[in-house]
C-alpha atoms as a PDB file:
ATOM      1  CA  MET A   1      -3.953   7.607  10.477  1.00  0.00           C
ATOM      2  CA  GLN A   2      -2.483   9.774   7.707  1.00  0.00           C
ATOM      3  CA  ALA A   3      -3.610  12.988   9.435  1.00  0.00           C
ATOM      4  CA  TRP A   4      -1.790  11.957  12.628  1.00  0.00           C
ATOM      5  CA  ILE A   5       1.402  11.149  10.694  1.00  0.00           C
ATOM      6  CA  THR A   6       1.241  14.525   8.931  1.00  0.00           C
ATOM      7  CA  GLN A   7       0.829  16.397  12.222  1.00  0.00           C
ATOM      8  CA  PHE A   8       3.636  14.393  13.806  1.00  0.00           C
ATOM      9  CA  ARG A   9       5.999  15.333  10.948  1.00  0.00           C
ATOM     10  CA  LYS A  10       4.992  19.002  11.142  1.00  0.00           C
ATOM     11  CA  GLY A  11       6.068  19.070  14.760  1.00  0.00           C
ATOM     12  CA  LEU A  12       9.521  17.813  13.833  1.00  0.00           C
ATOM     13  CA  VAL A  13      10.265  19.989  10.789  1.00  0.00           C
ATOM     14  CA  GLU A  14      12.107  22.813  12.560  1.00  0.00           C
ATOM     15  CA  LEU A  15      14.250  20.409  14.576  1.00  0.00           C
ATOM     16  CA  CYS A  16      15.134  18.409  11.463  1.00  0.00           C
ATOM     17  CA  VAL A  17      15.936  21.474   9.339  1.00  0.00           C
ATOM     18  CA  MET A  18      18.233  22.852  12.018  1.00  0.00           C
ATOM     19  CA  ALA A  19      19.910  19.473  12.521  1.00  0.00           C
ATOM     20  CA  ALA A  20      20.492  19.208   8.762  1.00  0.00           C
ATOM     21  CA  ILE A  21      22.630  22.369   8.787  1.00  0.00           C
ATOM     22  CA  ARG A  22      24.272  21.855  12.166  1.00  0.00           C
ATOM     23  CA  GLU A  23      27.702  21.147  10.659  1.00  0.00           C
ATOM     24  CA  ASP A  24      27.798  22.939   7.303  1.00  0.00           C
ATOM     25  CA  GLU A  25      25.968  25.633   5.433  1.00  0.00           C
ATOM     26  CA  ALA A  26      23.729  24.531   2.590  1.00  0.00           C
ATOM     27  CA  TYR A  27      21.394  26.067   0.085  1.00  0.00           C
ATOM     28  CA  GLY A  28      17.692  25.366   0.343  1.00  0.00           C
ATOM     29  CA  TYR A  29      17.425  22.578  -2.180  1.00  0.00           C
ATOM     30  CA  GLN A  30      20.418  20.763  -0.622  1.00  0.00           C
ATOM     31  CA  ILE A  31      18.567  20.829   2.692  1.00  0.00           C
ATOM     32  CA  VAL A  32      15.407  19.468   1.053  1.00  0.00           C
ATOM     33  CA  GLU A  33      17.432  16.673  -0.577  1.00  0.00           C
ATOM     34  CA  LYS A  34      19.207  15.783   2.675  1.00  0.00           C
ATOM     35  CA  LEU A  35      15.930  15.605   4.580  1.00  0.00           C
ATOM     36  CA  GLY A  36      14.335  13.668   1.728  1.00  0.00           C
ATOM     37  CA  GLN A  37      16.829  10.876   2.345  1.00  0.00           C
ATOM     38  CA  VAL A  38      15.570  10.405   5.907  1.00  0.00           C
ATOM     39  CA  ALA A  39      12.990   7.617   5.922  1.00  0.00           C
ATOM     40  CA  GLY A  40       9.600   8.735   7.194  1.00  0.00           C
ATOM     41  CA  LEU A  41      10.111  12.490   6.959  1.00  0.00           C
ATOM     42  CA  GLU A  42       9.044  13.043   3.352  1.00  0.00           C
ATOM     43  CA  LEU A  43       9.555  16.816   3.598  1.00  0.00           C
ATOM     44  CA  THR A  44       9.077  18.944   0.502  1.00  0.00           C
ATOM     45  CA  GLU A  45      10.284  22.365  -0.622  1.00  0.00           C
ATOM     46  CA  SER A  46       6.910  23.849   0.296  1.00  0.00           C
ATOM     47  CA  THR A  47       7.488  22.713   3.876  1.00  0.00           C
ATOM     48  CA  VAL A  48      11.202  23.475   4.254  1.00  0.00           C
ATOM     49  CA  TYR A  49      11.468  26.949   2.688  1.00  0.00           C
ATOM     50  CA  PRO A  50       8.923  28.622   5.022  1.00  0.00           C
ATOM     51  CA  VAL A  51      10.785  27.131   8.001  1.00  0.00           C
ATOM     52  CA  LEU A  52      14.085  28.528   6.687  1.00  0.00           C
ATOM     53  CA  ALA A  53      12.489  31.957   6.241  1.00  0.00           C
ATOM     54  CA  ARG A  54      11.101  31.877   9.787  1.00  0.00           C
ATOM     55  CA  LEU A  55      14.460  30.745  11.214  1.00  0.00           C
ATOM     56  CA  ALA A  56      16.187  33.602   9.365  1.00  0.00           C
ATOM     57  CA  GLN A  57      13.649  36.095  10.723  1.00  0.00           C
ATOM     58  CA  GLN A  58      14.273  34.754  14.243  1.00  0.00           C
ATOM     59  CA  ARG A  59      18.050  35.017  13.656  1.00  0.00           C
ATOM     60  CA  CYS A  60      18.549  31.300  14.173  1.00  0.00           C
ATOM     61  CA  VAL A  61      20.218  31.028  10.770  1.00  0.00           C
ATOM     62  CA  THR A  62      22.400  33.367   8.787  1.00  0.00           C
ATOM     63  CA  VAL A  63      21.772  33.690   5.084  1.00  0.00           C
ATOM     64  CA  ARG A  64      24.163  34.583   2.306  1.00  0.00           C
ATOM     65  CA  THR A  65      23.449  34.808  -1.386  1.00  0.00           C
ATOM     66  CA  ALA A  66      25.939  33.506  -3.953  1.00  0.00           C
ATOM     67  CA  PRO A  67      25.845  33.019  -7.700  1.00  0.00           C
ATOM     68  CA  SER A  68      24.589  29.690  -8.962  1.00  0.00           C
ATOM     69  CA  PRO A  69      26.358  27.741 -11.703  1.00  0.00           C
ATOM     70  CA  SER A  70      22.971  27.677 -13.424  1.00  0.00           C
ATOM     71  CA  GLY A  71      19.851  29.702 -12.751  1.00  0.00           C
ATOM     72  CA  PRO A  72      19.191  32.355 -10.139  1.00  0.00           C
ATOM     73  CA  PRO A  73      21.501  33.078  -7.179  1.00  0.00           C
ATOM     74  CA  ARG A  74      21.390  30.590  -4.298  1.00  0.00           C
ATOM     75  CA  ARG A  75      20.662  31.386  -0.686  1.00  0.00           C
ATOM     76  CA  TYR A  76      22.963  29.537   1.703  1.00  0.00           C
ATOM     77  CA  TYR A  77      21.860  28.905   5.294  1.00  0.00           C
ATOM     78  CA  ARG A  78      24.069  28.370   8.346  1.00  0.00           C
ATOM     79  CA  LEU A  79      23.132  28.059  12.015  1.00  0.00           C
ATOM     80  CA  SER A  80      23.884  31.168  14.037  1.00  0.00           C
ATOM     81  CA  GLU A  81      24.895  31.047  17.703  1.00  0.00           C
ATOM     82  CA  THR A  82      21.238  31.672  18.567  1.00  0.00           C
ATOM     83  CA  GLY A  83      20.311  28.736  16.343  1.00  0.00           C
ATOM     84  CA  ARG A  84      22.934  26.482  17.899  1.00  0.00           C
ATOM     85  CA  THR A  85      21.583  27.274  21.355  1.00  0.00           C
ATOM     86  CA  ARG A  86      17.999  26.643  20.255  1.00  0.00           C
ATOM     87  CA  LEU A  87      18.958  23.382  18.526  1.00  0.00           C
ATOM     88  CA  ALA A  88      20.725  22.141  21.668  1.00  0.00           C
ATOM     89  CA  GLU A  89      17.605  22.945  23.725  1.00  0.00           C
ATOM     90  CA  MET A  90      15.355  21.261  21.166  1.00  0.00           C
ATOM     91  CA  ILE A  91      17.532  18.139  21.107  1.00  0.00           C
ATOM     92  CA  GLY A  92      17.469  17.983  24.908  1.00  0.00           C
ATOM     93  CA  HIS A  93      13.682  18.251  24.930  1.00  0.00           C
ATOM     94  CA  TRP A  94      13.380  15.718  22.092  1.00  0.00           C
ATOM     95  CA  GLU A  95      15.520  13.208  24.014  1.00  0.00           C
ATOM     96  CA  PHE A  96      13.492  13.741  27.191  1.00  0.00           C
ATOM     97  CA  ILE A  97      10.134  13.330  25.421  1.00  0.00           C
ATOM     98  CA  GLN A  98      11.381  10.384  23.367  1.00  0.00           C
ATOM     99  CA  LYS A  99      12.489   8.573  26.522  1.00  0.00           C
ATOM    100  CA  SER A 100       9.237   9.381  28.329  1.00  0.00           C
ATOM    101  CA  VAL A 101       7.014   8.228  25.462  1.00  0.00           C
ATOM    102  CA  ALA A 102       9.075   5.061  24.974  1.00  0.00           C
ATOM    103  CA  GLY A 103       8.591   4.265  28.638  1.00  0.00           C
ATOM    104  CA  LEU A 104       4.855   4.859  28.369  1.00  0.00           C
ATOM    105  CA  ILE A 105       4.556   2.685  25.280  1.00  0.00           C
ATOM    106  CA  GLN A 106       6.554  -0.093  26.971  1.00  0.00           C
ATOM    107  CA  GLY A 107       4.348   0.095  30.048  1.00  0.00           C
ATOM    108  CA  ALA A 108       6.921   1.565  32.440  1.00  0.00           C
ATOM    109  CA  HIS A 109       4.542   4.369  33.521  1.00  0.00           C
ATOM    110  CA  SER A 110       1.518   2.267  34.371  1.00  0.00           C
END
């Protein structure tokens, strides 16, 4: 069962990361903390940071570096217009699939 749960979470990581920065920019660890508060996700830095790097490479997020009050500079992430468009498409697909699977589970598609 654990392998299925892990794969299920992996499929949702990009959607969740993008949703976490939909309204405001945030630095990586803030995103990890925000997602860590969502029951069932249990996402770690080693999962979130590669997704942020890929989203930056795909120009779905913009990145700016700013000094940190302590430690190395922080990288702040914000959704770009490309990212906003992709997130809207992903949410639409998520809602469609969620509704379809719920119907299947409840026996509506038998």
